[in-house]
């Protein structure tokens, strides 16, 4: 992702969502498992994000549901989003490896 200091636009959100689902599906799944404490996650798809968090559609053995995961800190720009998502993914991997 290209770093920018401009406010997060609808196009930015769409690009980030597509990038995360296409290139970091494993991280999206870990977000559900670690930050929402969900077991048996079969699929996880990032649907949307805003300044305060992300909405993920999660499919488990029992159901499909949309969940909201708050960001560790508020985001305002694409660069903020990149930093927060990377930090959260690294933390989720550390927790999952414990």
PDB file of N, CA and C in Angstrom:
ATOM      1  N   UNK A   1       0.825  -1.174   0.000  1.00  0.00           N
ATOM      2  CA  UNK A   1       0.000   0.000   0.000  1.00  0.00           C
ATOM      3  C   UNK A   1       0.874   1.243   0.000  1.00  0.00           C
ATOM      4  N   UNK A   2       0.473   2.213  -0.750  1.00  0.00           N
ATOM      5  CA  UNK A   2       1.217   3.459  -0.838  1.00  0.00           C
ATOM      6  C   UNK A   2       0.861   4.349   0.353  1.00  0.00           C
ATOM      7  N   UNK A   3       1.836   4.877   1.025  1.00  0.00           N
ATOM      8  CA  UNK A   3       1.603   5.745   2.176  1.00  0.00           C
ATOM      9  C   UNK A   3       1.096   7.098   1.714  1.00  0.00           C
ATOM     10  N   UNK A   4       0.051   7.576   2.388  1.00  0.00           N
ATOM     11  CA  UNK A   4      -0.516   8.891   2.100  1.00  0.00           C
ATOM     12  C   UNK A   4      -1.013   9.491   3.396  1.00  0.00           C
ATOM     13  N   UNK A   5      -1.022  10.795   3.467  1.00  0.00           N
ATOM     14  CA  UNK A   5      -1.517  11.477   4.650  1.00  0.00           C
ATOM     15  C   UNK A   5      -2.906  12.073   4.426  1.00  0.00           C
ATOM     16  N   UNK A   6      -3.583  11.680   3.364  1.00  0.00           N
ATOM     17  CA  UNK A   6      -4.916  12.183   3.074  1.00  0.00           C
ATOM     18  C   UNK A   6      -5.949  11.346   3.831  1.00  0.00           C
ATOM     19  N   UNK A   7      -7.129  11.914   4.094  1.00  0.00           N
ATOM     20  CA  UNK A   7      -8.170  11.147   4.780  1.00  0.00           C
ATOM     21  C   UNK A   7      -8.550   9.883   4.004  1.00  0.00           C
ATOM     22  N   UNK A   8      -8.972   8.882   4.743  1.00  0.00           N
ATOM     23  CA  UNK A   8      -9.386   7.606   4.173  1.00  0.00           C
ATOM     24  C   UNK A   8     -10.665   7.804   3.362  1.00  0.00           C
ATOM     25  N   UNK A   9     -10.607   7.502   2.070  1.00  0.00           N
ATOM     26  CA  UNK A   9     -11.763   7.671   1.185  1.00  0.00           C
ATOM     27  C   UNK A   9     -12.453   6.325   0.961  1.00  0.00           C
ATOM     28  N   UNK A  10     -13.615   6.362   0.339  1.00  0.00           N
ATOM     29  CA  UNK A  10     -14.330   5.143  -0.014  1.00  0.00           C
ATOM     30  C   UNK A  10     -13.475   4.272  -0.925  1.00  0.00           C
ATOM     31  N   UNK A  11     -12.789   4.875  -1.867  1.00  0.00           N
ATOM     32  CA  UNK A  11     -11.905   4.121  -2.770  1.00  0.00           C
ATOM     33  C   UNK A  11     -10.759   3.473  -1.994  1.00  0.00           C
ATOM     34  N   UNK A  12     -10.217   4.189  -1.000  1.00  0.00           N
ATOM     35  CA  UNK A  12      -9.162   3.618  -0.166  1.00  0.00           C
ATOM     36  C   UNK A  12      -9.666   2.386   0.582  1.00  0.00           C
ATOM     37  N   UNK A  13     -10.845   2.511   1.166  1.00  0.00           N
ATOM     38  CA  UNK A  13     -11.426   1.402   1.914  1.00  0.00           C
ATOM     39  C   UNK A  13     -11.625   0.201   0.994  1.00  0.00           C
ATOM     40  N   UNK A  14     -12.182   0.429  -0.180  1.00  0.00           N
ATOM     41  CA  UNK A  14     -12.403  -0.670  -1.130  1.00  0.00           C
ATOM     42  C   UNK A  14     -11.085  -1.332  -1.518  1.00  0.00           C
ATOM     43  N   UNK A  15     -10.064  -0.544  -1.747  1.00  0.00           N
ATOM     44  CA  UNK A  15      -8.752  -1.072  -2.126  1.00  0.00           C
ATOM     45  C   UNK A  15      -8.144  -1.881  -0.986  1.00  0.00           C
ATOM     46  N   UNK A  16      -8.245  -1.370   0.239  1.00  0.00           N
ATOM     47  CA  UNK A  16      -7.699  -2.072   1.405  1.00  0.00           C
ATOM     48  C   UNK A  16      -8.433  -3.391   1.627  1.00  0.00           C
ATOM     49  N   UNK A  17      -9.758  -3.364   1.544  1.00  0.00           N
ATOM     50  CA  UNK A  17     -10.565  -4.575   1.730  1.00  0.00           C
ATOM     51  C   UNK A  17     -10.182  -5.623   0.691  1.00  0.00           C
ATOM     52  N   UNK A  18     -10.098  -5.216  -0.557  1.00  0.00           N
ATOM     53  CA  UNK A  18      -9.737  -6.156  -1.625  1.00  0.00           C
ATOM     54  C   UNK A  18      -8.328  -6.722  -1.395  1.00  0.00           C
ATOM     55  N   UNK A  19      -7.395  -5.852  -1.054  1.00  0.00           N
ATOM     56  CA  UNK A  19      -6.014  -6.285  -0.809  1.00  0.00           C
ATOM     57  C   UNK A  19      -5.944  -7.281   0.348  1.00  0.00           C
ATOM     58  N   UNK A  20      -6.625  -6.980   1.436  1.00  0.00           N
ATOM     59  CA  UNK A  20      -6.584  -7.880   2.596  1.00  0.00           C
ATOM     60  C   UNK A  20      -7.197  -9.234   2.255  1.00  0.00           C
ATOM     61  N   UNK A  21      -8.315  -9.235   1.556  1.00  0.00           N
ATOM     62  CA  UNK A  21      -8.956 -10.505   1.209  1.00  0.00           C
ATOM     63  C   UNK A  21      -8.154 -11.301   0.184  1.00  0.00           C
ATOM     64  N   UNK A  22      -7.552 -10.612  -0.764  1.00  0.00           N
ATOM     65  CA  UNK A  22      -6.792 -11.302  -1.808  1.00  0.00           C
ATOM     66  C   UNK A  22      -5.410 -11.764  -1.341  1.00  0.00           C
ATOM     67  N   UNK A  23      -4.736 -10.928  -0.575  1.00  0.00           N
ATOM     68  CA  UNK A  23      -3.335 -11.198  -0.242  1.00  0.00           C
ATOM     69  C   UNK A  23      -3.075 -11.570   1.221  1.00  0.00           C
ATOM     70  N   UNK A  24      -4.049 -11.331   2.087  1.00  0.00           N
ATOM     71  CA  UNK A  24      -3.822 -11.579   3.517  1.00  0.00           C
ATOM     72  C   UNK A  24      -5.022 -12.250   4.176  1.00  0.00           C
ATOM     73  N   UNK A  25      -5.616 -13.200   3.475  1.00  0.00           N
ATOM     74  CA  UNK A  25      -6.789 -13.911   4.011  1.00  0.00           C
ATOM     75  C   UNK A  25      -6.456 -14.608   5.325  1.00  0.00           C
ATOM     76  N   UNK A  26      -5.219 -15.073   5.454  1.00  0.00           N
ATOM     77  CA  UNK A  26      -4.806 -15.722   6.701  1.00  0.00           C
ATOM     78  C   UNK A  26      -4.855 -14.753   7.874  1.00  0.00           C
ATOM     79  N   UNK A  27      -4.477 -13.505   7.648  1.00  0.00           N
ATOM     80  CA  UNK A  27      -4.523 -12.494   8.702  1.00  0.00           C
ATOM     81  C   UNK A  27      -5.963 -12.160   9.069  1.00  0.00           C
ATOM     82  N   UNK A  28      -6.841 -12.068   8.079  1.00  0.00           N
ATOM     83  CA  UNK A  28      -8.252 -11.777   8.345  1.00  0.00           C
ATOM     84  C   UNK A  28      -8.849 -12.887   9.217  1.00  0.00           C
ATOM     85  N   UNK A  29      -8.506 -14.121   8.895  1.00  0.00           N
ATOM     86  CA  UNK A  29      -8.981 -15.254   9.696  1.00  0.00           C
ATOM     87  C   UNK A  29      -8.432 -15.175  11.122  1.00  0.00           C
ATOM     88  N   UNK A  30      -7.158 -14.841  11.265  1.00  0.00           N
ATOM     89  CA  UNK A  30      -6.572 -14.692  12.599  1.00  0.00           C
ATOM     90  C   UNK A  30      -7.222 -13.564  13.390  1.00  0.00           C
ATOM     91  N   UNK A  31      -7.604 -12.484  12.721  1.00  0.00           N
ATOM     92  CA  UNK A  31      -8.311 -11.401  13.418  1.00  0.00           C
ATOM     93  C   UNK A  31      -9.553 -11.965  14.108  1.00  0.00           C
ATOM     94  N   UNK A  32     -10.322 -12.777  13.388  1.00  0.00           N
ATOM     95  CA  UNK A  32     -11.538 -13.364  13.969  1.00  0.00           C
ATOM     96  C   UNK A  32     -11.202 -14.313  15.113  1.00  0.00           C
ATOM     97  N   UNK A  33     -10.196 -15.140  14.901  1.00  0.00           N
ATOM     98  CA  UNK A  33      -9.837 -16.128  15.924  1.00  0.00           C
ATOM     99  C   UNK A  33      -9.282 -15.488  17.185  1.00  0.00           C
ATOM    100  N   UNK A  34      -8.410 -14.508  17.022  1.00  0.00           N
ATOM    101  CA  UNK A  34      -7.721 -13.921  18.169  1.00  0.00           C
ATOM    102  C   UNK A  34      -8.510 -12.770  18.787  1.00  0.00           C
ATOM    103  N   UNK A  35      -8.919 -11.795  17.985  1.00  0.00           N
ATOM    104  CA  UNK A  35      -9.549 -10.595  18.541  1.00  0.00           C
ATOM    105  C   UNK A  35     -11.016 -10.803  18.895  1.00  0.00           C
ATOM    106  N   UNK A  36     -11.687 -11.764  18.258  1.00  0.00           N
ATOM    107  CA  UNK A  36     -13.081 -12.051  18.603  1.00  0.00           C
ATOM    108  C   UNK A  36     -13.199 -13.383  19.344  1.00  0.00           C
ATOM    109  N   UNK A  37     -12.054 -14.016  19.616  1.00  0.00           N
ATOM    110  CA  UNK A  37     -11.997 -15.268  20.370  1.00  0.00           C
ATOM    111  C   UNK A  37     -12.951 -16.322  19.795  1.00  0.00           C
ATOM    112  N   UNK A  38     -12.861 -16.512  18.486  1.00  0.00           N
ATOM    113  CA  UNK A  38     -13.731 -17.466  17.802  1.00  0.00           C
ATOM    114  C   UNK A  38     -12.960 -18.743  17.482  1.00  0.00           C
ATOM    115  N   UNK A  39     -13.626 -19.868  17.693  1.00  0.00           N
ATOM    116  CA  UNK A  39     -13.051 -21.170  17.371  1.00  0.00           C
ATOM    117  C   UNK A  39     -13.636 -21.687  16.069  1.00  0.00           C
ATOM    118  N   UNK A  40     -12.954 -22.613  15.459  1.00  0.00           N
ATOM    119  CA  UNK A  40     -13.441 -23.310  14.259  1.00  0.00           C
ATOM    120  C   UNK A  40     -13.807 -22.366  13.126  1.00  0.00           C
ATOM    121  N   UNK A  41     -12.969 -21.362  12.883  1.00  0.00           N
ATOM    122  CA  UNK A  41     -13.207 -20.437  11.778  1.00  0.00           C
ATOM    123  C   UNK A  41     -12.807 -21.122  10.479  1.00  0.00           C
ATOM    124  N   UNK A  42     -13.782 -21.327   9.600  1.00  0.00           N
ATOM    125  CA  UNK A  42     -13.520 -21.940   8.306  1.00  0.00           C
ATOM    126  C   UNK A  42     -13.176 -20.892   7.253  1.00  0.00           C
ATOM    127  N   UNK A  43     -13.865 -19.766   7.306  1.00  0.00           N
ATOM    128  CA  UNK A  43     -13.630 -18.665   6.368  1.00  0.00           C
ATOM    129  C   UNK A  43     -13.826 -17.342   7.090  1.00  0.00           C
ATOM    130  N   UNK A  44     -13.087 -16.353   6.648  1.00  0.00           N
ATOM    131  CA  UNK A  44     -13.239 -14.995   7.164  1.00  0.00           C
ATOM    132  C   UNK A  44     -13.002 -14.030   6.015  1.00  0.00           C
ATOM    133  N   UNK A  45     -13.938 -13.110   5.829  1.00  0.00           N
ATOM    134  CA  UNK A  45     -13.839 -12.137   4.741  1.00  0.00           C
ATOM    135  C   UNK A  45     -14.005 -10.736   5.313  1.00  0.00           C
ATOM    136  N   UNK A  46     -13.027  -9.886   5.064  1.00  0.00           N
ATOM    137  CA  UNK A  46     -13.132  -8.490   5.462  1.00  0.00           C
ATOM    138  C   UNK A  46     -14.187  -7.828   4.587  1.00  0.00           C
ATOM    139  N   UNK A  47     -15.178  -7.209   5.228  1.00  0.00           N
ATOM    140  CA  UNK A  47     -16.269  -6.563   4.495  1.00  0.00           C
ATOM    141  C   UNK A  47     -16.093  -5.059   4.401  1.00  0.00           C
ATOM    142  N   UNK A  48     -15.616  -4.454   5.486  1.00  0.00           N
ATOM    143  CA  UNK A  48     -15.582  -3.000   5.541  1.00  0.00           C
ATOM    144  C   UNK A  48     -14.680  -2.579   6.698  1.00  0.00           C
ATOM    145  N   UNK A  49     -14.250  -1.337   6.663  1.00  0.00           N
ATOM    146  CA  UNK A  49     -13.541  -0.767   7.793  1.00  0.00           C
ATOM    147  C   UNK A  49     -13.830   0.717   7.850  1.00  0.00           C
ATOM    148  N   UNK A  50     -13.679   1.252   9.050  1.00  0.00           N
ATOM    149  CA  UNK A  50     -13.823   2.686   9.253  1.00  0.00           C
ATOM    150  C   UNK A  50     -12.747   3.121  10.238  1.00  0.00           C
ATOM    151  N   UNK A  51     -12.846   4.315  10.736  1.00  0.00           N
ATOM    152  CA  UNK A  51     -11.795   4.846  11.596  1.00  0.00           C
ATOM    153  C   UNK A  51     -11.598   4.033  12.870  1.00  0.00           C
ATOM    154  N   UNK A  52     -12.648   3.333  13.310  1.00  0.00           N
ATOM    155  CA  UNK A  52     -12.591   2.671  14.606  1.00  0.00           C
ATOM    156  C   UNK A  52     -12.449   1.155  14.571  1.00  0.00           C
ATOM    157  N   UNK A  53     -12.693   0.529  13.414  1.00  0.00           N
ATOM    158  CA  UNK A  53     -12.598  -0.919  13.389  1.00  0.00           C
ATOM    159  C   UNK A  53     -12.950  -1.517  12.048  1.00  0.00           C
ATOM    160  N   UNK A  54     -13.046  -2.853  12.043  1.00  0.00           N
ATOM    161  CA  UNK A  54     -13.335  -3.572  10.807  1.00  0.00           C
ATOM    162  C   UNK A  54     -14.495  -4.531  11.013  1.00  0.00           C
ATOM    163  N   UNK A  55     -15.210  -4.762   9.932  1.00  0.00           N
ATOM    164  CA  UNK A  55     -16.324  -5.709   9.942  1.00  0.00           C
ATOM    165  C   UNK A  55     -15.906  -6.907   9.097  1.00  0.00           C
ATOM    166  N   UNK A  56     -16.033  -8.086   9.693  1.00  0.00           N
ATOM    167  CA  UNK A  56     -15.604  -9.327   9.053  1.00  0.00           C
ATOM    168  C   UNK A  56     -16.764 -10.309   9.042  1.00  0.00           C
ATOM    169  N   UNK A  57     -16.985 -10.963   7.923  1.00  0.00           N
ATOM    170  CA  UNK A  57     -17.962 -12.058   7.837  1.00  0.00           C
ATOM    171  C   UNK A  57     -17.214 -13.348   8.129  1.00  0.00           C
ATOM    172  N   UNK A  58     -17.651 -14.043   9.161  1.00  0.00           N
ATOM    173  CA  UNK A  58     -16.976 -15.244   9.631  1.00  0.00           C
ATOM    174  C   UNK A  58     -17.899 -16.448   9.473  1.00  0.00           C
ATOM    175  N   UNK A  59     -17.356 -17.505   8.875  1.00  0.00           N
ATOM    176  CA  UNK A  59     -18.076 -18.772   8.763  1.00  0.00           C
ATOM    177  C   UNK A  59     -17.359 -19.788   9.641  1.00  0.00           C
ATOM    178  N   UNK A  60     -18.128 -20.356  10.579  1.00  0.00           N
ATOM    179  CA  UNK A  60     -17.614 -21.405  11.450  1.00  0.00           C
ATOM    180  C   UNK A  60     -18.345 -22.701  11.110  1.00  0.00           C
ATOM    181  N   UNK A  61     -18.072 -23.739  11.888  1.00  0.00           N
ATOM    182  CA  UNK A  61     -18.767 -25.004  11.683  1.00  0.00           C
ATOM    183  C   UNK A  61     -20.269 -24.862  11.902  1.00  0.00           C
ATOM    184  N   UNK A  62     -20.660 -23.879  12.717  1.00  0.00           N
ATOM    185  CA  UNK A  62     -22.063 -23.755  13.120  1.00  0.00           C
ATOM    186  C   UNK A  62     -22.850 -22.645  12.440  1.00  0.00           C
ATOM    187  N   UNK A  63     -22.191 -21.605  11.970  1.00  0.00           N
ATOM    188  CA  UNK A  63     -22.946 -20.451  11.460  1.00  0.00           C
ATOM    189  C   UNK A  63     -22.048 -19.505  10.681  1.00  0.00           C
ATOM    190  N   UNK A  64     -22.711 -18.557  10.012  1.00  0.00           N
ATOM    191  CA  UNK A  64     -22.027 -17.426   9.387  1.00  0.00           C
ATOM    192  C   UNK A  64     -22.557 -16.175  10.063  1.00  0.00           C
ATOM    193  N   UNK A  65     -21.630 -15.310  10.470  1.00  0.00           N
ATOM    194  CA  UNK A  65     -22.043 -14.078  11.134  1.00  0.00           C
ATOM    195  C   UNK A  65     -21.066 -12.957  10.816  1.00  0.00           C
ATOM    196  N   UNK A  66     -21.566 -11.749  10.901  1.00  0.00           N
ATOM    197  CA  UNK A  66     -20.717 -10.572  10.741  1.00  0.00           C
ATOM    198  C   UNK A  66     -20.319 -10.096  12.128  1.00  0.00           C
ATOM    199  N   UNK A  67     -19.031  -9.817  12.302  1.00  0.00           N
ATOM    200  CA  UNK A  67     -18.518  -9.344  13.577  1.00  0.00           C
ATOM    201  C   UNK A  67     -17.791  -8.019  13.374  1.00  0.00           C
ATOM    202  N   UNK A  68     -17.692  -7.261  14.434  1.00  0.00           N
ATOM    203  CA  UNK A  68     -16.943  -6.008  14.414  1.00  0.00           C
ATOM    204  C   UNK A  68     -15.748  -6.168  15.338  1.00  0.00           C
ATOM    205  N   UNK A  69     -14.579  -5.831  14.834  1.00  0.00           N
ATOM    206  CA  UNK A  69     -13.355  -5.869  15.641  1.00  0.00           C
ATOM    207  C   UNK A  69     -12.803  -4.445  15.693  1.00  0.00           C
ATOM    208  N   UNK A  70     -12.715  -3.884  16.887  1.00  0.00           N
ATOM    209  CA  UNK A  70     -12.174  -2.533  16.994  1.00  0.00           C
ATOM    210  C   UNK A  70     -10.678  -2.509  16.715  1.00  0.00           C
ATOM    211  N   UNK A  71     -10.232  -1.400  16.143  1.00  0.00           N
ATOM    212  CA  UNK A  71      -8.803  -1.203  15.938  1.00  0.00           C
ATOM    213  C   UNK A  71      -8.138  -0.887  17.273  1.00  0.00           C
ATOM    214  N   UNK A  72      -6.856  -1.175  17.366  1.00  0.00           N
ATOM    215  CA  UNK A  72      -6.096  -0.867  18.571  1.00  0.00           C
ATOM    216  C   UNK A  72      -5.948   0.636  18.762  1.00  0.00           C
ATOM    217  N   UNK A  73      -6.017   1.364  17.666  1.00  0.00           N
ATOM    218  CA  UNK A  73      -6.029   2.828  17.711  1.00  0.00           C
ATOM    219  C   UNK A  73      -6.775   3.311  16.463  1.00  0.00           C
ATOM    220  N   UNK A  74      -7.333   4.487  16.531  1.00  0.00           N
ATOM    221  CA  UNK A  74      -8.135   5.028  15.438  1.00  0.00           C
ATOM    222  C   UNK A  74      -7.276   5.281  14.200  1.00  0.00           C
ATOM    223  N   UNK A  75      -7.893   5.070  13.030  1.00  0.00           N
ATOM    224  CA  UNK A  75      -7.197   5.350  11.777  1.00  0.00           C
ATOM    225  C   UNK A  75      -7.884   6.515  11.065  1.00  0.00           C
ATOM    226  N   UNK A  76      -7.083   7.289  10.355  1.00  0.00           N
ATOM    227  CA  UNK A  76      -7.627   8.424   9.604  1.00  0.00           C
ATOM    228  C   UNK A  76      -7.152   8.422   8.156  1.00  0.00           C
ATOM    229  N   UNK A  77      -6.017   7.793   7.897  1.00  0.00           N
ATOM    230  CA  UNK A  77      -5.414   7.825   6.567  1.00  0.00           C
ATOM    231  C   UNK A  77      -5.097   6.395   6.117  1.00  0.00           C
ATOM    232  N   UNK A  78      -4.842   6.206   4.823  1.00  0.00           N
ATOM    233  CA  UNK A  78      -4.412   4.885   4.357  1.00  0.00           C
ATOM    234  C   UNK A  78      -3.142   4.399   5.069  1.00  0.00           C
ATOM    235  N   UNK A  79      -2.233   5.307   5.363  1.00  0.00           N
ATOM    236  CA  UNK A  79      -1.010   4.929   6.063  1.00  0.00           C
ATOM    237  C   UNK A  79      -1.327   4.450   7.480  1.00  0.00           C
ATOM    238  N   UNK A  80      -2.248   5.125   8.160  1.00  0.00           N
ATOM    239  CA  UNK A  80      -2.698   4.665   9.479  1.00  0.00           C
ATOM    240  C   UNK A  80      -3.253   3.251   9.383  1.00  0.00           C
ATOM    241  N   UNK A  81      -4.102   3.026   8.389  1.00  0.00           N
ATOM    242  CA  UNK A  81      -4.738   1.712   8.216  1.00  0.00           C
ATOM    243  C   UNK A  81      -3.672   0.641   8.013  1.00  0.00           C
ATOM    244  N   UNK A  82      -2.704   0.921   7.181  1.00  0.00           N
ATOM    245  CA  UNK A  82      -1.635  -0.037   6.922  1.00  0.00           C
ATOM    246  C   UNK A  82      -0.896  -0.391   8.210  1.00  0.00           C
ATOM    247  N   UNK A  83      -0.502   0.631   8.962  1.00  0.00           N
ATOM    248  CA  UNK A  83       0.248   0.394  10.198  1.00  0.00           C
ATOM    249  C   UNK A  83      -0.569  -0.399  11.216  1.00  0.00           C
ATOM    250  N   UNK A  84      -1.828  -0.033  11.384  1.00  0.00           N
ATOM    251  CA  UNK A  84      -2.673  -0.714  12.374  1.00  0.00           C
ATOM    252  C   UNK A  84      -2.927  -2.159  11.964  1.00  0.00           C
ATOM    253  N   UNK A  85      -3.245  -2.387  10.698  1.00  0.00           N
ATOM    254  CA  UNK A  85      -3.512  -3.759  10.244  1.00  0.00           C
ATOM    255  C   UNK A  85      -2.269  -4.636  10.343  1.00  0.00           C
ATOM    256  N   UNK A  86      -1.118  -4.102  10.002  1.00  0.00           N
ATOM    257  CA  UNK A  86       0.121  -4.870  10.125  1.00  0.00           C
ATOM    258  C   UNK A  86       0.403  -5.179  11.597  1.00  0.00           C
ATOM    259  N   UNK A  87       0.275  -4.179  12.467  1.00  0.00           N
ATOM    260  CA  UNK A  87       0.514  -4.400  13.898  1.00  0.00           C
ATOM    261  C   UNK A  87      -0.440  -5.449  14.457  1.00  0.00           C
ATOM    262  N   UNK A  88      -1.719  -5.355  14.092  1.00  0.00           N
ATOM    263  CA  UNK A  88      -2.704  -6.307  14.594  1.00  0.00           C
ATOM    264  C   UNK A  88      -2.442  -7.711  14.055  1.00  0.00           C
ATOM    265  N   UNK A  89      -2.033  -7.811  12.798  1.00  0.00           N
ATOM    266  CA  UNK A  89      -1.734  -9.121  12.212  1.00  0.00           C
ATOM    267  C   UNK A  89      -0.527  -9.750  12.904  1.00  0.00           C
ATOM    268  N   UNK A  90       0.501  -8.950  13.164  1.00  0.00           N
ATOM    269  CA  UNK A  90       1.684  -9.483  13.846  1.00  0.00           C
ATOM    270  C   UNK A  90       1.322  -9.948  15.254  1.00  0.00           C
ATOM    271  N   UNK A  91       0.528  -9.167  15.956  1.00  0.00           N
ATOM    272  CA  UNK A  91       0.106  -9.546  17.294  1.00  0.00           C
ATOM    273  C   UNK A  91      -0.739 -10.817  17.258  1.00  0.00           C
ATOM    274  N   UNK A  92      -1.657 -10.901  16.311  1.00  0.00           N
ATOM    275  CA  UNK A  92      -2.512 -12.086  16.200  1.00  0.00           C
ATOM    276  C   UNK A  92      -1.672 -13.336  15.919  1.00  0.00           C
ATOM    277  N   UNK A  93      -0.667 -13.202  15.086  1.00  0.00           N
ATOM    278  CA  UNK A  93       0.213 -14.352  14.816  1.00  0.00           C
ATOM    279  C   UNK A  93       0.974 -14.771  16.071  1.00  0.00           C
ATOM    280  N   UNK A  94       1.448 -13.788  16.830  1.00  0.00           N
ATOM    281  CA  UNK A  94       2.153 -14.100  18.075  1.00  0.00           C
ATOM    282  C   UNK A  94       1.243 -14.839  19.050  1.00  0.00           C
ATOM    283  N   UNK A  95       0.019 -14.360  19.193  1.00  0.00           N
ATOM    284  CA  UNK A  95      -0.942 -14.993  20.108  1.00  0.00           C
ATOM    285  C   UNK A  95      -1.283 -16.397  19.637  1.00  0.00           C
ATOM    286  N   UNK A  96      -1.501 -16.552  18.338  1.00  0.00           N
ATOM    287  CA  UNK A  96      -1.857 -17.855  17.792  1.00  0.00           C
ATOM    288  C   UNK A  96      -0.732 -18.872  17.945  1.00  0.00           C
ATOM    289  N   UNK A  97       0.501 -18.399  17.951  1.00  0.00           N
ATOM    290  CA  UNK A  97       1.656 -19.284  18.075  1.00  0.00           C
ATOM    291  C   UNK A  97       1.956 -19.699  19.513  1.00  0.00           C
ATOM    292  N   UNK A  98       1.286 -19.065  20.480  1.00  0.00           N
ATOM    293  CA  UNK A  98       1.551 -19.391  21.884  1.00  0.00           C
ATOM    294  C   UNK A  98       1.031 -20.759  22.252  1.00  0.00           C
TER     295      UNK A  98
END
